């Protein structure tokens, strides 16, 4: 199995917020955003692993700003860390104005697991880390991976 670059699986999704995406407070419904984030993370993980995947965890999901009807929403996902069968994917969500300026709305980390033909976890390619930013994400991903394992053992 050949290792892959972070750039091999970067995924971007763009949405224009419509009335059906808005909650009673006239903001983007959080559940809708979580759905889009999960789809982006799945595509990133499928591109990296060349396998079907399942979401094992949404490790961190922080809402930093609201989004409103008719906003352009941009979601960008990339691999940050890989284990034996799992991949950590970071998805950043932005509101983009009409001039292309982006403001952060959300950042999420998800753990995706690659599946074989029988639906069982299967090995994934290693990740080639090239830039300082990718290295920093890898190191942070290692810490999050260890924390998730600790919490699992504690029944968290």
N, C-alpha and C. Protein backbone atom coordinates (compact mmCIF):
# COMPACT_ATOMS: atom_id res chain seq x y z
N UNK A 1 0.86 -1.18 0.00
CA UNK A 1 0.00 0.00 0.00
C UNK A 1 0.90 1.24 0.00
N UNK A 2 0.75 2.06 -1.01
CA UNK A 2 1.58 3.26 -1.15
C UNK A 2 1.12 4.37 -0.19
N UNK A 3 2.05 5.01 0.51
CA UNK A 3 1.69 6.18 1.32
C UNK A 3 1.12 7.28 0.44
N UNK A 4 0.31 8.15 1.02
CA UNK A 4 -0.31 9.25 0.27
C UNK A 4 0.00 10.58 0.93
N UNK A 5 -0.04 11.62 0.11
CA UNK A 5 0.17 13.00 0.57
C UNK A 5 -1.14 13.55 1.12
N UNK A 6 -1.04 14.52 2.01
CA UNK A 6 -2.22 15.23 2.50
C UNK A 6 -3.00 15.81 1.33
N UNK A 7 -2.28 16.37 0.37
CA UNK A 7 -2.92 17.02 -0.78
C UNK A 7 -3.70 16.05 -1.67
N UNK A 8 -3.43 14.75 -1.56
CA UNK A 8 -4.13 13.77 -2.41
C UNK A 8 -5.62 13.66 -2.09
N UNK A 9 -6.02 14.07 -0.89
CA UNK A 9 -7.41 13.83 -0.49
C UNK A 9 -8.15 15.09 -0.03
N UNK A 10 -7.53 16.26 -0.20
CA UNK A 10 -8.22 17.49 0.20
C UNK A 10 -9.56 17.59 -0.55
N UNK A 11 -10.60 17.95 0.19
CA UNK A 11 -11.95 18.02 -0.37
C UNK A 11 -12.59 19.34 0.01
N UNK A 12 -13.27 19.95 -0.95
CA UNK A 12 -13.97 21.22 -0.70
C UNK A 12 -15.42 21.07 -1.17
N UNK A 13 -16.32 21.55 -0.34
CA UNK A 13 -17.75 21.56 -0.67
C UNK A 13 -18.25 22.99 -0.48
N UNK A 14 -19.12 23.44 -1.36
CA UNK A 14 -19.67 24.80 -1.27
C UNK A 14 -21.20 24.71 -1.23
N UNK A 15 -21.79 25.47 -0.34
CA UNK A 15 -23.25 25.53 -0.21
C UNK A 15 -23.68 27.00 -0.14
N UNK A 16 -24.84 27.30 -0.72
CA UNK A 16 -25.49 28.58 -0.47
C UNK A 16 -26.63 28.27 0.49
N UNK A 17 -26.67 28.97 1.62
CA UNK A 17 -27.67 28.66 2.65
C UNK A 17 -29.06 29.08 2.20
N UNK A 18 -29.96 28.13 2.23
CA UNK A 18 -31.35 28.29 1.81
C UNK A 18 -32.25 28.27 3.04
N UNK A 19 -33.50 28.68 2.89
CA UNK A 19 -34.42 28.67 4.04
C UNK A 19 -34.51 27.32 4.75
N UNK A 20 -34.40 26.21 4.01
CA UNK A 20 -34.51 24.88 4.64
C UNK A 20 -33.30 24.56 5.52
N UNK A 21 -32.22 25.32 5.44
CA UNK A 21 -31.01 25.09 6.25
C UNK A 21 -31.01 25.92 7.54
N UNK A 22 -32.01 26.75 7.73
CA UNK A 22 -32.02 27.75 8.81
C UNK A 22 -32.91 27.28 9.96
N UNK A 23 -32.46 27.56 11.20
CA UNK A 23 -33.24 27.17 12.38
C UNK A 23 -34.17 28.31 12.82
N UNK A 24 -34.84 28.12 13.94
CA UNK A 24 -35.79 29.11 14.45
C UNK A 24 -35.16 30.41 14.90
N UNK A 25 -33.86 30.44 15.07
CA UNK A 25 -33.15 31.67 15.46
C UNK A 25 -32.55 32.37 14.25
N UNK A 26 -33.00 31.98 13.04
CA UNK A 26 -32.54 32.58 11.78
C UNK A 26 -31.05 32.37 11.50
N UNK A 27 -30.51 31.29 12.02
CA UNK A 27 -29.11 30.91 11.78
C UNK A 27 -29.07 29.53 11.15
N UNK A 28 -27.91 29.18 10.62
CA UNK A 28 -27.72 27.83 10.09
C UNK A 28 -28.00 26.81 11.18
N UNK A 29 -28.82 25.82 10.88
CA UNK A 29 -29.13 24.73 11.80
C UNK A 29 -27.86 23.91 12.00
N UNK A 30 -27.43 23.76 13.25
CA UNK A 30 -26.19 23.04 13.55
C UNK A 30 -26.16 21.62 13.03
N UNK A 31 -27.30 20.94 13.10
CA UNK A 31 -27.37 19.56 12.61
C UNK A 31 -27.12 19.48 11.11
N UNK A 32 -27.56 20.48 10.36
CA UNK A 32 -27.31 20.51 8.93
C UNK A 32 -25.81 20.64 8.66
N UNK A 33 -25.16 21.51 9.43
CA UNK A 33 -23.73 21.69 9.26
C UNK A 33 -22.98 20.39 9.61
N UNK A 34 -23.41 19.72 10.69
CA UNK A 34 -22.76 18.46 11.06
C UNK A 34 -22.89 17.44 9.93
N UNK A 35 -24.05 17.38 9.28
CA UNK A 35 -24.23 16.47 8.14
C UNK A 35 -23.23 16.78 7.03
N UNK A 36 -23.11 18.05 6.67
CA UNK A 36 -22.18 18.43 5.60
C UNK A 36 -20.74 18.12 5.99
N UNK A 37 -20.39 18.39 7.25
CA UNK A 37 -19.04 18.10 7.74
C UNK A 37 -18.75 16.60 7.65
N UNK A 38 -19.71 15.78 8.02
CA UNK A 38 -19.54 14.33 7.98
C UNK A 38 -19.34 13.85 6.54
N UNK A 39 -20.07 14.43 5.60
CA UNK A 39 -19.91 14.06 4.19
C UNK A 39 -18.53 14.44 3.68
N UNK A 40 -18.08 15.65 3.99
CA UNK A 40 -16.74 16.08 3.56
C UNK A 40 -15.67 15.17 4.15
N UNK A 41 -15.78 14.87 5.45
CA UNK A 41 -14.81 13.98 6.11
C UNK A 41 -14.81 12.60 5.46
N UNK A 42 -15.98 12.09 5.11
CA UNK A 42 -16.07 10.78 4.47
C UNK A 42 -15.38 10.78 3.11
N UNK A 43 -15.58 11.83 2.34
CA UNK A 43 -14.93 11.90 1.02
C UNK A 43 -13.42 11.97 1.18
N UNK A 44 -12.94 12.79 2.12
CA UNK A 44 -11.49 12.86 2.38
C UNK A 44 -10.96 11.47 2.71
N UNK A 45 -11.61 10.79 3.63
CA UNK A 45 -11.15 9.48 4.08
C UNK A 45 -11.24 8.43 2.97
N UNK A 46 -12.28 8.49 2.15
CA UNK A 46 -12.40 7.56 1.02
C UNK A 46 -11.28 7.80 0.01
N UNK A 47 -10.98 9.06 -0.24
CA UNK A 47 -9.91 9.38 -1.18
C UNK A 47 -8.56 8.90 -0.65
N UNK A 48 -8.35 9.02 0.66
CA UNK A 48 -7.08 8.58 1.23
C UNK A 48 -6.96 7.05 1.24
N UNK A 49 -8.03 6.38 1.64
CA UNK A 49 -7.96 4.94 1.86
C UNK A 49 -8.36 4.10 0.65
N UNK A 50 -9.04 4.73 -0.31
CA UNK A 50 -9.61 3.99 -1.46
C UNK A 50 -10.57 2.91 -0.97
N UNK A 51 -11.26 3.19 0.13
CA UNK A 51 -12.20 2.27 0.75
C UNK A 51 -13.46 3.00 1.16
N UNK A 52 -14.53 2.24 1.38
CA UNK A 52 -15.68 2.81 2.06
C UNK A 52 -15.25 3.06 3.51
N UNK A 53 -15.90 4.00 4.15
CA UNK A 53 -15.52 4.38 5.51
C UNK A 53 -16.77 4.56 6.37
N UNK A 54 -16.54 4.58 7.67
CA UNK A 54 -17.61 4.90 8.61
C UNK A 54 -17.07 5.91 9.62
N UNK A 55 -17.94 6.73 10.14
CA UNK A 55 -17.56 7.71 11.14
C UNK A 55 -17.48 7.01 12.50
N UNK A 56 -16.31 7.07 13.12
CA UNK A 56 -16.12 6.46 14.44
C UNK A 56 -16.32 7.48 15.55
N UNK A 57 -15.95 8.74 15.28
CA UNK A 57 -16.06 9.77 16.32
C UNK A 57 -16.03 11.15 15.69
N UNK A 58 -16.77 12.03 16.30
CA UNK A 58 -16.60 13.46 16.04
C UNK A 58 -15.93 13.97 17.31
N UNK A 59 -14.63 14.15 17.20
CA UNK A 59 -13.77 14.38 18.35
C UNK A 59 -13.88 15.80 18.89
N UNK A 60 -14.04 16.74 18.00
CA UNK A 60 -14.08 18.13 18.41
C UNK A 60 -14.90 18.89 17.39
N UNK A 61 -15.85 19.67 17.86
CA UNK A 61 -16.72 20.42 16.96
C UNK A 61 -17.00 21.76 17.64
N UNK A 62 -16.38 22.80 17.14
CA UNK A 62 -16.53 24.11 17.77
C UNK A 62 -17.19 25.09 16.80
N UNK A 63 -18.28 25.71 17.27
CA UNK A 63 -18.94 26.74 16.49
C UNK A 63 -18.35 28.09 16.89
N UNK A 64 -17.76 28.79 15.93
CA UNK A 64 -17.07 30.05 16.21
C UNK A 64 -17.87 31.27 15.79
N UNK A 65 -18.82 31.10 14.87
CA UNK A 65 -19.64 32.21 14.39
C UNK A 65 -20.88 31.63 13.73
N UNK A 66 -21.91 32.46 13.60
CA UNK A 66 -23.14 32.03 12.95
C UNK A 66 -23.04 32.18 11.44
N UNK A 67 -23.96 31.53 10.76
CA UNK A 67 -24.11 31.68 9.31
C UNK A 67 -25.59 31.88 9.05
N UNK A 68 -25.92 32.64 8.02
CA UNK A 68 -27.29 33.09 7.81
C UNK A 68 -27.75 32.82 6.38
N UNK A 69 -29.05 32.94 6.18
CA UNK A 69 -29.63 32.69 4.88
C UNK A 69 -28.90 33.48 3.79
N UNK A 70 -28.68 32.85 2.67
CA UNK A 70 -28.02 33.38 1.48
C UNK A 70 -26.50 33.52 1.63
N UNK A 71 -25.93 33.13 2.77
CA UNK A 71 -24.47 33.09 2.89
C UNK A 71 -23.92 31.96 2.01
N UNK A 72 -22.71 32.17 1.50
CA UNK A 72 -21.98 31.09 0.84
C UNK A 72 -21.13 30.42 1.91
N UNK A 73 -21.31 29.12 2.05
CA UNK A 73 -20.57 28.34 3.03
C UNK A 73 -19.56 27.47 2.29
N UNK A 74 -18.31 27.47 2.77
CA UNK A 74 -17.25 26.67 2.17
C UNK A 74 -16.71 25.73 3.24
N UNK A 75 -16.71 24.44 2.96
CA UNK A 75 -16.17 23.42 3.86
C UNK A 75 -14.94 22.81 3.20
N UNK A 76 -13.83 22.76 3.93
CA UNK A 76 -12.58 22.21 3.40
C UNK A 76 -12.07 21.16 4.38
N UNK A 77 -11.83 19.95 3.87
CA UNK A 77 -11.36 18.86 4.71
C UNK A 77 -10.02 18.32 4.26
N UNK A 78 -9.22 17.88 5.24
CA UNK A 78 -7.96 17.23 4.93
C UNK A 78 -7.57 16.26 6.05
N UNK A 79 -6.76 15.27 5.68
CA UNK A 79 -6.25 14.28 6.64
C UNK A 79 -5.21 14.95 7.53
N UNK A 80 -5.28 14.66 8.83
CA UNK A 80 -4.29 15.20 9.75
C UNK A 80 -3.42 14.12 10.38
N UNK A 81 -3.99 12.89 10.50
CA UNK A 81 -3.30 11.81 11.19
C UNK A 81 -3.90 10.49 10.76
N UNK A 82 -3.08 9.46 10.64
CA UNK A 82 -3.61 8.12 10.36
C UNK A 82 -3.04 7.13 11.36
N UNK A 83 -3.87 6.16 11.70
CA UNK A 83 -3.44 5.03 12.52
C UNK A 83 -3.37 3.80 11.63
N UNK A 84 -3.72 2.66 12.18
CA UNK A 84 -3.70 1.42 11.40
C UNK A 84 -4.91 1.33 10.48
N UNK A 85 -6.10 1.57 11.03
CA UNK A 85 -7.34 1.49 10.23
C UNK A 85 -8.12 2.80 10.25
N UNK A 86 -7.67 3.74 11.06
CA UNK A 86 -8.43 4.99 11.22
C UNK A 86 -7.67 6.19 10.65
N UNK A 87 -8.45 7.21 10.34
CA UNK A 87 -7.92 8.46 9.81
C UNK A 87 -8.58 9.62 10.56
N UNK A 88 -7.79 10.58 10.98
CA UNK A 88 -8.36 11.79 11.57
C UNK A 88 -8.47 12.82 10.45
N UNK A 89 -9.64 13.42 10.35
CA UNK A 89 -9.91 14.41 9.31
C UNK A 89 -10.32 15.72 9.97
N UNK A 90 -9.69 16.79 9.54
CA UNK A 90 -10.09 18.13 10.00
C UNK A 90 -10.93 18.77 8.91
N UNK A 91 -12.08 19.31 9.32
CA UNK A 91 -12.95 20.03 8.40
C UNK A 91 -13.14 21.44 8.94
N UNK A 92 -12.75 22.42 8.13
CA UNK A 92 -12.95 23.83 8.47
C UNK A 92 -14.09 24.37 7.63
N UNK A 93 -14.97 25.14 8.27
CA UNK A 93 -16.11 25.73 7.58
C UNK A 93 -15.99 27.25 7.65
N UNK A 94 -16.23 27.89 6.51
CA UNK A 94 -16.12 29.35 6.40
C UNK A 94 -17.38 29.91 5.76
N UNK A 95 -17.69 31.15 6.12
CA UNK A 95 -18.64 31.95 5.35
C UNK A 95 -17.78 32.78 4.42
N UNK A 96 -18.13 32.74 3.14
CA UNK A 96 -17.37 33.49 2.13
C UNK A 96 -18.24 34.64 1.63
N UNK A 97 -17.70 35.89 1.71
CA UNK A 97 -18.49 37.01 1.22
C UNK A 97 -18.38 37.13 -0.30
N UNK A 98 -19.08 38.08 -0.86
CA UNK A 98 -19.13 38.21 -2.32
C UNK A 98 -17.79 38.59 -2.95
N UNK A 99 -16.83 38.99 -2.13
CA UNK A 99 -15.49 39.35 -2.62
C UNK A 99 -14.48 38.22 -2.39
N UNK A 100 -14.96 37.08 -1.86
CA UNK A 100 -14.09 35.93 -1.64
C UNK A 100 -13.41 35.90 -0.29
N UNK A 101 -13.71 36.87 0.58
CA UNK A 101 -13.11 36.90 1.91
C UNK A 101 -13.83 35.88 2.79
N UNK A 102 -13.06 35.06 3.49
CA UNK A 102 -13.64 33.99 4.31
C UNK A 102 -13.48 34.27 5.79
N UNK A 103 -14.55 33.92 6.54
CA UNK A 103 -14.56 34.05 7.99
C UNK A 103 -14.86 32.67 8.57
N UNK A 104 -14.08 32.23 9.55
CA UNK A 104 -14.25 30.90 10.14
C UNK A 104 -15.57 30.80 10.88
N UNK A 105 -16.31 29.74 10.59
CA UNK A 105 -17.57 29.46 11.26
C UNK A 105 -17.39 28.28 12.21
N UNK A 106 -16.60 27.29 11.77
CA UNK A 106 -16.52 26.04 12.51
C UNK A 106 -15.24 25.30 12.18
N UNK A 107 -14.75 24.55 13.15
CA UNK A 107 -13.65 23.60 12.93
C UNK A 107 -14.05 22.31 13.63
N UNK A 108 -13.85 21.20 12.93
CA UNK A 108 -14.21 19.90 13.49
C UNK A 108 -13.13 18.88 13.18
N UNK A 109 -12.92 17.95 14.10
CA UNK A 109 -12.04 16.80 13.88
C UNK A 109 -12.90 15.55 13.97
N UNK A 110 -12.79 14.69 12.97
CA UNK A 110 -13.56 13.46 12.93
C UNK A 110 -12.60 12.28 12.76
N UNK A 111 -13.00 11.15 13.30
CA UNK A 111 -12.23 9.93 13.12
C UNK A 111 -13.05 9.03 12.21
N UNK A 112 -12.45 8.66 11.08
CA UNK A 112 -13.09 7.80 10.10
C UNK A 112 -12.33 6.48 10.05
N UNK A 113 -13.05 5.37 9.90
CA UNK A 113 -12.43 4.05 9.83
C UNK A 113 -12.69 3.45 8.45
N UNK A 114 -11.63 2.94 7.83
CA UNK A 114 -11.75 2.28 6.53
C UNK A 114 -12.33 0.88 6.71
N UNK A 115 -13.18 0.48 5.76
CA UNK A 115 -13.86 -0.81 5.84
C UNK A 115 -13.50 -1.70 4.66
N UNK A 116 -13.34 -3.00 4.93
CA UNK A 116 -13.11 -3.95 3.84
C UNK A 116 -14.45 -4.35 3.23
N UNK A 117 -14.42 -5.32 2.33
CA UNK A 117 -15.63 -5.75 1.61
C UNK A 117 -16.69 -6.34 2.54
N UNK A 118 -16.27 -6.79 3.73
CA UNK A 118 -17.21 -7.37 4.69
C UNK A 118 -17.64 -6.40 5.78
N UNK A 119 -17.23 -5.14 5.64
CA UNK A 119 -17.61 -4.13 6.63
C UNK A 119 -16.73 -4.12 7.86
N UNK A 120 -15.58 -4.78 7.81
CA UNK A 120 -14.65 -4.81 8.94
C UNK A 120 -13.54 -3.78 8.74
N UNK A 121 -13.00 -3.25 9.84
CA UNK A 121 -11.90 -2.30 9.71
C UNK A 121 -10.73 -2.89 8.93
N UNK A 122 -10.11 -2.07 8.10
CA UNK A 122 -8.99 -2.53 7.28
C UNK A 122 -7.90 -1.45 7.25
N UNK A 123 -6.69 -1.86 6.99
CA UNK A 123 -5.55 -0.95 7.03
C UNK A 123 -5.68 0.17 6.01
N UNK A 124 -5.09 1.31 6.38
CA UNK A 124 -5.09 2.49 5.50
C UNK A 124 -3.65 2.86 5.15
N UNK A 125 -3.45 3.57 4.04
CA UNK A 125 -2.10 4.01 3.68
C UNK A 125 -1.54 4.98 4.72
N UNK A 126 -0.23 4.95 4.89
CA UNK A 126 0.42 5.93 5.75
C UNK A 126 0.32 7.31 5.10
N UNK A 127 0.60 8.33 5.87
CA UNK A 127 0.48 9.71 5.41
C UNK A 127 1.86 10.33 5.25
N UNK A 128 2.09 10.92 4.10
CA UNK A 128 3.33 11.65 3.86
C UNK A 128 3.12 13.08 4.34
N UNK A 129 3.87 13.46 5.36
CA UNK A 129 3.77 14.78 5.96
C UNK A 129 4.93 15.61 5.43
N UNK A 130 4.61 16.75 4.76
CA UNK A 130 5.66 17.50 4.08
C UNK A 130 5.92 18.89 4.65
N UNK A 131 4.88 19.60 5.03
CA UNK A 131 5.06 20.99 5.46
C UNK A 131 5.09 21.10 6.99
N UNK A 132 5.53 22.25 7.48
CA UNK A 132 5.50 22.48 8.93
C UNK A 132 4.09 22.40 9.48
N UNK A 133 3.14 22.93 8.73
CA UNK A 133 1.73 22.89 9.14
C UNK A 133 1.23 21.46 9.23
N UNK A 134 1.56 20.65 8.22
CA UNK A 134 1.15 19.24 8.25
C UNK A 134 1.81 18.50 9.40
N UNK A 135 3.07 18.81 9.68
CA UNK A 135 3.78 18.18 10.80
C UNK A 135 3.13 18.56 12.13
N UNK A 136 2.77 19.84 12.27
CA UNK A 136 2.10 20.29 13.51
C UNK A 136 0.76 19.58 13.68
N UNK A 137 0.00 19.44 12.59
CA UNK A 137 -1.28 18.73 12.65
C UNK A 137 -1.05 17.26 13.03
N UNK A 138 -0.02 16.64 12.46
CA UNK A 138 0.30 15.24 12.77
C UNK A 138 0.58 15.08 14.27
N UNK A 139 1.42 15.96 14.81
CA UNK A 139 1.77 15.87 16.23
C UNK A 139 0.54 16.08 17.11
N UNK A 140 -0.30 17.04 16.75
CA UNK A 140 -1.54 17.27 17.51
C UNK A 140 -2.48 16.08 17.36
N UNK A 141 -2.53 15.51 16.17
CA UNK A 141 -3.37 14.33 15.93
C UNK A 141 -2.93 13.14 16.76
N UNK A 142 -1.60 12.99 16.93
CA UNK A 142 -1.07 11.91 17.78
C UNK A 142 -1.56 12.08 19.21
N UNK A 143 -1.54 13.32 19.69
CA UNK A 143 -2.00 13.60 21.06
C UNK A 143 -3.50 13.33 21.20
N UNK A 144 -4.29 13.76 20.20
CA UNK A 144 -5.73 13.50 20.25
C UNK A 144 -6.01 12.00 20.20
N UNK A 145 -5.25 11.27 19.39
CA UNK A 145 -5.40 9.81 19.29
C UNK A 145 -5.15 9.16 20.66
N UNK A 146 -4.07 9.56 21.33
CA UNK A 146 -3.75 9.01 22.65
C UNK A 146 -4.85 9.36 23.66
N UNK A 147 -5.35 10.58 23.60
CA UNK A 147 -6.42 11.00 24.51
C UNK A 147 -7.70 10.19 24.26
N UNK A 148 -8.04 9.97 22.98
CA UNK A 148 -9.23 9.15 22.68
C UNK A 148 -9.06 7.74 23.22
N UNK A 149 -7.87 7.15 23.07
CA UNK A 149 -7.62 5.80 23.60
C UNK A 149 -7.74 5.77 25.11
N UNK A 150 -7.20 6.78 25.78
CA UNK A 150 -7.29 6.87 27.25
C UNK A 150 -8.75 6.96 27.67
N UNK A 151 -9.51 7.82 27.01
CA UNK A 151 -10.92 7.99 27.35
C UNK A 151 -11.71 6.70 27.12
N UNK A 152 -11.40 5.99 26.05
CA UNK A 152 -12.08 4.73 25.75
C UNK A 152 -11.85 3.73 26.87
N UNK A 153 -10.60 3.65 27.35
CA UNK A 153 -10.26 2.72 28.44
C UNK A 153 -10.97 3.11 29.73
N UNK A 154 -11.20 4.41 29.92
CA UNK A 154 -11.87 4.90 31.13
C UNK A 154 -13.40 4.83 31.00
N UNK A 155 -13.88 4.41 29.84
CA UNK A 155 -15.33 4.35 29.64
C UNK A 155 -15.97 5.70 29.39
N UNK A 156 -15.18 6.66 29.00
CA UNK A 156 -15.65 8.04 28.74
C UNK A 156 -16.53 8.09 27.54
